[in-house]
Amino acid sequence: MIIPISIWPKHMMNCFIIQGKNGLVLVDTGVPGSSRKIFEEINNHGFSPSDIRLIVVTHGHMDHFGSVGEINRELKVPVLAHQLDTPFYEKGEANVATMKPTVLWAHLFKRLVKGIKTRSFTPDIIMDQEEYDLNEWVTGAKIIHTPGHTAGSISVVLPNKEAIIMDMMSSGVGLGGIMLHSRVKHPAFHDDLSLLKQSFDKILAYDLDVFYLGHGKPVSRQQVLKYVDKYLKSY
């Protein structure tokens, strides 16, 4: 079971908890200073932060790994991430080189986040393969390497036809969410659209119906196909 946690209102910035067989898996942690919000939401859903058994970091942008260090200072649980984005976690700095704006306002956003630093960390589990089995924490789940947004972007595929694909795409208006939730679009940044197209081909090879995003509400398989056709067809 995937439970969205909206760090910013209207699903503008999301992280997720997955209920596993022995506790929770936390997927991403929002911007620096988000730990209290995440812990409150976990409590509101009838769990405790101490139920977290694993933190998965999907990619090296500050709005996704910003609070890993502060959360892990308190909980001391293993962190899983891909090796290609690990240097940025270890520096506590966003992977700015991959922040290639897809919309005009993203140029300003990039300038604002460029100098932000957060508590650094080194992942305990560094993924260097195309797939990683999450069965120890969530029965039948796996991590898939899905580069394109960043080189080290990863997605979580679950056996109930759901997946967390974070910033492979977004939905809604602005950064994501707010309104028009069925509207599919680019997130503010992508690194390599040809790699992203290959990653969508990889994800869509799975029998998945619901896709959870880092910015915006979940989308259907049909909406994902619409995004690929509209923005990535030529790649």
C-alpha atoms as a PDB file:
ATOM      1  CA  MET A   1       0.000   0.000   0.000  1.00  0.00           C
ATOM      2  CA  ILE A   2       1.344   3.418  -1.031  1.00  0.00           C
ATOM      3  CA  ILE A   3       0.451   6.426   1.120  1.00  0.00           C
ATOM      4  CA  PRO A   4       1.246   9.868  -0.366  1.00  0.00           C
ATOM      5  CA  ILE A   5       2.616  12.579   1.914  1.00  0.00           C
ATOM      6  CA  SER A   6       2.192  16.081   0.536  1.00  0.00           C
ATOM      7  CA  ILE A   7       5.167  18.140   1.759  1.00  0.00           C
ATOM      8  CA  TRP A   8       3.745  21.265   0.119  1.00  0.00           C
ATOM      9  CA  PRO A   9      -0.042  21.768  -0.266  1.00  0.00           C
ATOM     10  CA  LYS A  10      -2.057  20.463  -3.213  1.00  0.00           C
ATOM     11  CA  HIS A  11       0.513  17.761  -4.034  1.00  0.00           C
ATOM     12  CA  MET A  12       3.051  20.334  -5.222  1.00  0.00           C
ATOM     13  CA  MET A  13       5.791  18.234  -3.594  1.00  0.00           C
ATOM     14  CA  ASN A  14       5.303  14.642  -2.519  1.00  0.00           C
ATOM     15  CA  CYS A  15       7.061  11.846  -0.761  1.00  0.00           C
ATOM     16  CA  PHE A  16       5.561   8.430  -0.005  1.00  0.00           C
ATOM     17  CA  ILE A  17       5.429   5.672   2.541  1.00  0.00           C
ATOM     18  CA  ILE A  18       4.933   2.052   1.548  1.00  0.00           C
ATOM     19  CA  GLN A  19       3.509  -0.353   4.084  1.00  0.00           C
ATOM     20  CA  GLY A  20       5.796  -3.382   4.007  1.00  0.00           C
ATOM     21  CA  LYS A  21       5.747  -6.724   5.742  1.00  0.00           C
ATOM     22  CA  ASN A  22       7.713  -5.577   8.813  1.00  0.00           C
ATOM     23  CA  GLY A  23       7.289  -1.806   8.747  1.00  0.00           C
ATOM     24  CA  LEU A  24       7.420   1.164   6.419  1.00  0.00           C
ATOM     25  CA  VAL A  25       9.592   2.185   3.487  1.00  0.00           C
ATOM     26  CA  LEU A  26       9.932   5.960   3.099  1.00  0.00           C
ATOM     27  CA  VAL A  27      10.454   7.100  -0.502  1.00  0.00           C
ATOM     28  CA  ASP A  28      12.085  10.557  -0.656  1.00  0.00           C
ATOM     29  CA  THR A  29      12.028  13.217   2.050  1.00  0.00           C
ATOM     30  CA  GLY A  30      11.262  16.597   0.472  1.00  0.00           C
ATOM     31  CA  VAL A  31      13.242  19.791   0.981  1.00  0.00           C
ATOM     32  CA  PRO A  32      15.472  20.380   4.031  1.00  0.00           C
ATOM     33  CA  GLY A  33      13.427  20.786   7.181  1.00  0.00           C
ATOM     34  CA  SER A  34      10.613  18.424   6.144  1.00  0.00           C
ATOM     35  CA  SER A  35      11.110  15.771   8.830  1.00  0.00           C
ATOM     36  CA  ARG A  36       8.463  17.153  11.227  1.00  0.00           C
ATOM     37  CA  LYS A  37       5.849  17.261   8.456  1.00  0.00           C
ATOM     38  CA  ILE A  38       6.681  13.714   7.380  1.00  0.00           C
ATOM     39  CA  PHE A  39       6.555  12.395  10.942  1.00  0.00           C
ATOM     40  CA  GLU A  40       3.220  14.128  11.593  1.00  0.00           C
ATOM     41  CA  GLU A  41       1.697  12.608   8.466  1.00  0.00           C
ATOM     42  CA  ILE A  42       2.992   9.158   9.381  1.00  0.00           C
ATOM     43  CA  ASN A  43       1.360   9.524  12.811  1.00  0.00           C
ATOM     44  CA  ASN A  44      -1.877  10.729  11.174  1.00  0.00           C
ATOM     45  CA  HIS A  45      -2.026   7.492   9.190  1.00  0.00           C
ATOM     46  CA  GLY A  46      -1.794   5.370  12.329  1.00  0.00           C
ATOM     47  CA  PHE A  47       1.919   4.590  12.182  1.00  0.00           C
ATOM     48  CA  SER A  48       5.001   5.837  14.002  1.00  0.00           C
ATOM     49  CA  PRO A  49       8.238   7.210  12.502  1.00  0.00           C
ATOM     50  CA  SER A  50       9.969   4.365  14.344  1.00  0.00           C
ATOM     51  CA  ASP A  51       8.133   2.001  11.938  1.00  0.00           C
ATOM     52  CA  ILE A  52      10.382   3.160   9.080  1.00  0.00           C
ATOM     53  CA  ARG A  53      12.762   0.354   8.100  1.00  0.00           C
ATOM     54  CA  LEU A  54      14.280   1.792   4.901  1.00  0.00           C
ATOM     55  CA  ILE A  55      14.616   5.155   3.138  1.00  0.00           C
ATOM     56  CA  VAL A  56      14.723   5.112  -0.671  1.00  0.00           C
ATOM     57  CA  VAL A  57      16.092   8.229  -2.390  1.00  0.00           C
ATOM     58  CA  THR A  58      14.924   8.482  -5.986  1.00  0.00           C
ATOM     59  CA  HIS A  59      17.335  11.133  -7.309  1.00  0.00           C
ATOM     60  CA  GLY A  60      19.792  13.887  -6.528  1.00  0.00           C
ATOM     61  CA  HIS A  61      17.578  16.986  -6.461  1.00  0.00           C
ATOM     62  CA  MET A  62      17.213  18.898  -3.207  1.00  0.00           C
ATOM     63  CA  ASP A  63      13.404  18.617  -3.055  1.00  0.00           C
ATOM     64  CA  HIS A  64      13.757  14.840  -2.875  1.00  0.00           C
ATOM     65  CA  PHE A  65      16.761  14.161  -0.642  1.00  0.00           C
ATOM     66  CA  GLY A  66      16.812  17.383   1.389  1.00  0.00           C
ATOM     67  CA  SER A  67      15.726  15.816   4.684  1.00  0.00           C
ATOM     68  CA  VAL A  68      17.363  12.384   4.477  1.00  0.00           C
ATOM     69  CA  GLY A  69      20.269  13.387   6.717  1.00  0.00           C
ATOM     70  CA  GLU A  70      18.103  14.931   9.431  1.00  0.00           C
ATOM     71  CA  ILE A  71      15.653  12.008   9.433  1.00  0.00           C
ATOM     72  CA  ASN A  72      18.409   9.436   9.550  1.00  0.00           C
ATOM     73  CA  ARG A  73      20.181  11.272  12.368  1.00  0.00           C
ATOM     74  CA  GLU A  74      17.093  10.483  14.442  1.00  0.00           C
ATOM     75  CA  LEU A  75      16.015   7.072  13.110  1.00  0.00           C
ATOM     76  CA  LYS A  76      19.321   5.504  12.002  1.00  0.00           C
ATOM     77  CA  VAL A  77      17.805   3.291   9.298  1.00  0.00           C
ATOM     78  CA  PRO A  78      19.469   2.182   6.045  1.00  0.00           C
ATOM     79  CA  VAL A  79      19.280   4.449   2.996  1.00  0.00           C
ATOM     80  CA  LEU A  80      19.128   3.107  -0.563  1.00  0.00           C
ATOM     81  CA  ALA A  81      20.099   5.180  -3.615  1.00  0.00           C
ATOM     82  CA  HIS A  82      21.719   4.769  -7.020  1.00  0.00           C
ATOM     83  CA  GLN A  83      25.482   5.204  -7.273  1.00  0.00           C
ATOM     84  CA  LEU A  84      25.290   7.764 -10.113  1.00  0.00           C
ATOM     85  CA  ASP A  85      23.653  10.381  -7.859  1.00  0.00           C
ATOM     86  CA  THR A  86      25.490   9.383  -4.674  1.00  0.00           C
ATOM     87  CA  PRO A  87      28.258  12.041  -4.993  1.00  0.00           C
ATOM     88  CA  PHE A  88      25.619  14.744  -4.510  1.00  0.00           C
ATOM     89  CA  TYR A  89      24.203  13.106  -1.383  1.00  0.00           C
ATOM     90  CA  GLU A  90      27.717  12.928   0.029  1.00  0.00           C
ATOM     91  CA  LYS A  91      28.222  16.657  -0.621  1.00  0.00           C
ATOM     92  CA  GLY A  92      24.736  17.669   0.513  1.00  0.00           C
ATOM     93  CA  GLU A  93      24.277  19.583  -2.726  1.00  0.00           C
ATOM     94  CA  ALA A  94      21.760  19.238  -5.548  1.00  0.00           C
ATOM     95  CA  ASN A  95      22.830  17.752  -8.868  1.00  0.00           C
ATOM     96  CA  VAL A  96      22.520  21.149 -10.575  1.00  0.00           C
ATOM     97  CA  ALA A  97      24.122  19.948 -13.837  1.00  0.00           C
ATOM     98  CA  THR A  98      21.032  17.812 -14.529  1.00  0.00           C
ATOM     99  CA  MET A  99      18.626  20.681 -13.835  1.00  0.00           C
ATOM    100  CA  LYS A 100      18.005  21.604 -17.474  1.00  0.00           C
ATOM    101  CA  PRO A 101      14.872  23.782 -17.434  1.00  0.00           C
ATOM    102  CA  THR A 102      11.810  22.663 -19.382  1.00  0.00           C
ATOM    103  CA  VAL A 103       9.884  25.900 -18.650  1.00  0.00           C
ATOM    104  CA  LEU A 104      10.950  29.528 -18.337  1.00  0.00           C
ATOM    105  CA  TRP A 105      10.273  29.951 -14.610  1.00  0.00           C
ATOM    106  CA  ALA A 106      12.552  26.979 -13.866  1.00  0.00           C
ATOM    107  CA  HIS A 107      15.599  29.111 -14.731  1.00  0.00           C
ATOM    108  CA  LEU A 108      14.871  31.294 -11.674  1.00  0.00           C
ATOM    109  CA  PHE A 109      14.122  28.248  -9.520  1.00  0.00           C
ATOM    110  CA  LYS A 110      17.468  26.746 -10.493  1.00  0.00           C
ATOM    111  CA  ARG A 111      19.288  29.911  -9.444  1.00  0.00           C
ATOM    112  CA  LEU A 112      17.484  29.902  -6.097  1.00  0.00           C
ATOM    113  CA  VAL A 113      18.393  26.311  -5.210  1.00  0.00           C
ATOM    114  CA  LYS A 114      21.921  26.355  -6.606  1.00  0.00           C
ATOM    115  CA  GLY A 115      23.541  27.472  -3.359  1.00  0.00           C
ATOM    116  CA  ILE A 116      21.372  25.477  -0.947  1.00  0.00           C
ATOM    117  CA  LYS A 117      23.110  22.808   1.087  1.00  0.00           C
ATOM    118  CA  THR A 118      21.705  20.174   3.401  1.00  0.00           C
ATOM    119  CA  ARG A 119      22.992  17.576   5.836  1.00  0.00           C
ATOM    120  CA  SER A 120      25.083  15.147   3.790  1.00  0.00           C
ATOM    121  CA  PHE A 121      24.867  11.367   3.972  1.00  0.00           C
ATOM    122  CA  THR A 122      26.293   8.273   2.338  1.00  0.00           C
ATOM    123  CA  PRO A 123      23.725   5.663   1.285  1.00  0.00           C
ATOM    124  CA  ASP A 124      24.063   2.321   3.053  1.00  0.00           C
ATOM    125  CA  ILE A 125      22.825   0.444  -0.010  1.00  0.00           C
ATOM    126  CA  ILE A 126      24.291   1.818  -3.241  1.00  0.00           C
ATOM    127  CA  MET A 127      22.535   0.420  -6.275  1.00  0.00           C
ATOM    128  CA  ASP A 128      24.759  -0.122  -9.311  1.00  0.00           C
ATOM    129  CA  GLN A 129      22.543  -2.447 -11.330  1.00  0.00           C
ATOM    130  CA  GLU A 130      19.358  -2.060 -13.402  1.00  0.00           C
ATOM    131  CA  GLU A 131      17.108  -3.698 -10.798  1.00  0.00           C
ATOM    132  CA  TYR A 132      17.231  -4.173  -7.052  1.00  0.00           C
ATOM    133  CA  ASP A 133      14.980  -6.590  -5.168  1.00  0.00           C
ATOM    134  CA  LEU A 134      13.079  -4.943  -2.274  1.00  0.00           C
ATOM    135  CA  ASN A 135      11.583  -8.216  -1.089  1.00  0.00           C
ATOM    136  CA  GLU A 136      13.330  -7.921   2.294  1.00  0.00           C
ATOM    137  CA  TRP A 137      11.095  -4.924   3.043  1.00  0.00           C
ATOM    138  CA  VAL A 138       8.098  -5.168   0.669  1.00  0.00           C
ATOM    139  CA  THR A 139       7.029  -8.521  -0.769  1.00  0.00           C
ATOM    140  CA  GLY A 140       7.345  -8.576  -4.549  1.00  0.00           C
ATOM    141  CA  ALA A 141       8.606  -4.980  -4.882  1.00  0.00           C
ATOM    142  CA  LYS A 142      11.682  -3.871  -6.789  1.00  0.00           C
ATOM    143  CA  ILE A 143      13.704  -0.772  -7.617  1.00  0.00           C
ATOM    144  CA  ILE A 144      14.219   0.027 -11.309  1.00  0.00           C
ATOM    145  CA  HIS A 145      16.973   2.288 -12.658  1.00  0.00           C
ATOM    146  CA  THR A 146      15.118   4.929 -14.687  1.00  0.00           C
ATOM    147  CA  PRO A 147      17.634   7.588 -15.821  1.00  0.00           C
ATOM    148  CA  GLY A 148      16.715  10.658 -17.814  1.00  0.00           C
ATOM    149  CA  HIS A 149      15.585  13.103 -15.158  1.00  0.00           C
ATOM    150  CA  THR A 150      19.003  12.524 -13.580  1.00  0.00           C
ATOM    151  CA  ALA A 151      21.557   9.822 -14.321  1.00  0.00           C
ATOM    152  CA  GLY A 152      20.832   8.074 -11.034  1.00  0.00           C
ATOM    153  CA  SER A 153      17.041   8.325 -10.989  1.00  0.00           C
ATOM    154  CA  ILE A 154      15.219   5.238  -9.724  1.00  0.00           C
ATOM    155  CA  SER A 155      11.577   4.127  -9.507  1.00  0.00           C
ATOM    156  CA  VAL A 156       9.730   1.700  -7.235  1.00  0.00           C
ATOM    157  CA  VAL A 157       7.537  -0.991  -8.820  1.00  0.00           C
ATOM    158  CA  LEU A 158       5.023  -2.831  -6.639  1.00  0.00           C
ATOM    159  CA  PRO A 159       3.195  -6.105  -7.299  1.00  0.00           C
ATOM    160  CA  ASN A 160      -0.265  -4.474  -6.986  1.00  0.00           C
ATOM    161  CA  LYS A 161       0.122  -2.683 -10.358  1.00  0.00           C
ATOM    162  CA  GLU A 162       1.347   0.547  -8.750  1.00  0.00           C
ATOM    163  CA  ALA A 163       4.661   2.374  -9.163  1.00  0.00           C
ATOM    164  CA  ILE A 164       6.369   5.458  -7.771  1.00  0.00           C
ATOM    165  CA  ILE A 165       8.085   7.188 -10.712  1.00  0.00           C
ATOM    166  CA  MET A 166       8.636  10.584  -8.993  1.00  0.00           C
ATOM    167  CA  ASP A 167       9.971  13.159 -11.489  1.00  0.00           C
ATOM    168  CA  MET A 168       9.825  11.130 -14.684  1.00  0.00           C
ATOM    169  CA  MET A 169       6.782  13.344 -15.347  1.00  0.00           C
ATOM    170  CA  SER A 170       4.415  15.580 -13.389  1.00  0.00           C
ATOM    171  CA  SER A 171       0.761  16.589 -13.414  1.00  0.00           C
ATOM    172  CA  GLY A 172      -1.318  19.664 -12.664  1.00  0.00           C
ATOM    173  CA  VAL A 173      -0.344  23.337 -12.842  1.00  0.00           C
ATOM    174  CA  GLY A 174       2.914  25.046 -11.837  1.00  0.00           C
ATOM    175  CA  LEU A 175       5.387  22.873  -9.968  1.00  0.00           C
ATOM    176  CA  GLY A 176       2.642  20.257  -9.823  1.00  0.00           C
ATOM    177  CA  GLY A 177      -0.776  19.782  -8.268  1.00  0.00           C
ATOM    178  CA  ILE A 178      -2.830  22.917  -7.427  1.00  0.00           C
ATOM    179  CA  MET A 179      -5.489  22.222 -10.101  1.00  0.00           C
ATOM    180  CA  LEU A 180      -6.096  20.454 -13.437  1.00  0.00           C
ATOM    181  CA  HIS A 181      -4.748  17.242 -11.980  1.00  0.00           C
ATOM    182  CA  SER A 182      -5.352  15.291 -15.184  1.00  0.00           C
ATOM    183  CA  ARG A 183      -2.958  17.570 -17.077  1.00  0.00           C
ATOM    184  CA  VAL A 184       0.310  15.730 -17.807  1.00  0.00           C
ATOM    185  CA  LYS A 185       3.502  17.678 -18.412  1.00  0.00           C
ATOM    186  CA  HIS A 186       7.242  17.890 -17.934  1.00  0.00           C
ATOM    187  CA  PRO A 187       8.512  18.594 -14.444  1.00  0.00           C
ATOM    188  CA  ALA A 188      10.584  21.769 -14.154  1.00  0.00           C
ATOM    189  CA  PHE A 189      13.782  19.958 -15.205  1.00  0.00           C
ATOM    190  CA  HIS A 190      15.003  16.969 -17.197  1.00  0.00           C
ATOM    191  CA  ASP A 191      18.559  15.940 -17.991  1.00  0.00           C
ATOM    192  CA  ASP A 192      18.363  13.623 -21.024  1.00  0.00           C
ATOM    193  CA  LEU A 193      15.049  13.118 -22.851  1.00  0.00           C
ATOM    194  CA  SER A 194      16.294  10.202 -24.960  1.00  0.00           C
ATOM    195  CA  LEU A 195      17.277   8.310 -21.804  1.00  0.00           C
ATOM    196  CA  LEU A 196      13.958   9.272 -20.244  1.00  0.00           C
ATOM    197  CA  LYS A 197      12.086   7.761 -23.199  1.00  0.00           C
ATOM    198  CA  GLN A 198      14.011   4.507 -22.726  1.00  0.00           C
ATOM    199  CA  SER A 199      13.134   4.546 -19.033  1.00  0.00           C
ATOM    200  CA  PHE A 200       9.442   4.943 -19.829  1.00  0.00           C
ATOM    201  CA  ASP A 201       9.686   2.017 -22.229  1.00  0.00           C
ATOM    202  CA  LYS A 202      11.182   0.021 -19.363  1.00  0.00           C
ATOM    203  CA  ILE A 203       8.487   1.063 -16.853  1.00  0.00           C
ATOM    204  CA  LEU A 204       5.620   0.523 -19.296  1.00  0.00           C
ATOM    205  CA  ALA A 205       6.807  -3.030 -19.926  1.00  0.00           C
ATOM    206  CA  TYR A 206       5.403  -3.790 -16.462  1.00  0.00           C
ATOM    207  CA  ASP A 207       1.698  -4.386 -15.903  1.00  0.00           C
ATOM    208  CA  LEU A 208       1.045  -1.130 -14.019  1.00  0.00           C
ATOM    209  CA  ASP A 209      -2.144   0.894 -13.652  1.00  0.00           C
ATOM    210  CA  VAL A 210      -1.306   3.699 -11.184  1.00  0.00           C
ATOM    211  CA  PHE A 211       1.811   5.903 -11.181  1.00  0.00           C
ATOM    212  CA  TYR A 212       2.689   8.150  -8.232  1.00  0.00           C
ATOM    213  CA  LEU A 213       4.557  11.384  -8.948  1.00  0.00           C
ATOM    214  CA  GLY A 214       6.834  13.718  -7.050  1.00  0.00           C
ATOM    215  CA  HIS A 215       4.821  16.734  -8.222  1.00  0.00           C
ATOM    216  CA  GLY A 216       1.103  16.298  -8.792  1.00  0.00           C
ATOM    217  CA  LYS A 217      -1.511  13.647  -8.130  1.00  0.00           C
ATOM    218  CA  PRO A 218      -1.198  10.014  -9.265  1.00  0.00           C
ATOM    219  CA  VAL A 219      -1.842   9.304 -12.930  1.00  0.00           C
ATOM    220  CA  SER A 220      -3.189   6.354 -14.900  1.00  0.00           C
ATOM    221  CA  ARG A 221      -1.389   4.274 -17.493  1.00  0.00           C
ATOM    222  CA  GLN A 222      -3.347   6.118 -20.182  1.00  0.00           C
ATOM    223  CA  GLN A 223      -2.076   9.465 -18.876  1.00  0.00           C
ATOM    224  CA  VAL A 224       1.506   8.175 -18.893  1.00  0.00           C
ATOM    225  CA  LEU A 225       1.085   7.043 -22.505  1.00  0.00           C
ATOM    226  CA  LYS A 226      -0.305  10.495 -23.342  1.00  0.00           C
ATOM    227  CA  TYR A 227       2.744  12.164 -21.789  1.00  0.00           C
ATOM    228  CA  VAL A 228       5.171   9.923 -23.679  1.00  0.00           C
ATOM    229  CA  ASP A 229       3.317  10.509 -26.951  1.00  0.00           C
ATOM    230  CA  LYS A 230       3.167  14.293 -26.467  1.00  0.00           C
ATOM    231  CA  TYR A 231       6.670  15.005 -25.150  1.00  0.00           C
ATOM    232  CA  LEU A 232       8.928  12.042 -25.942  1.00  0.00           C
ATOM    233  CA  LYS A 233       7.628  10.496 -29.151  1.00  0.00           C
ATOM    234  CA  SER A 234      10.525  11.785 -31.264  1.00  0.00           C
ATOM    235  CA  TYR A 235      13.233  10.372 -28.979  1.00  0.00           C
END
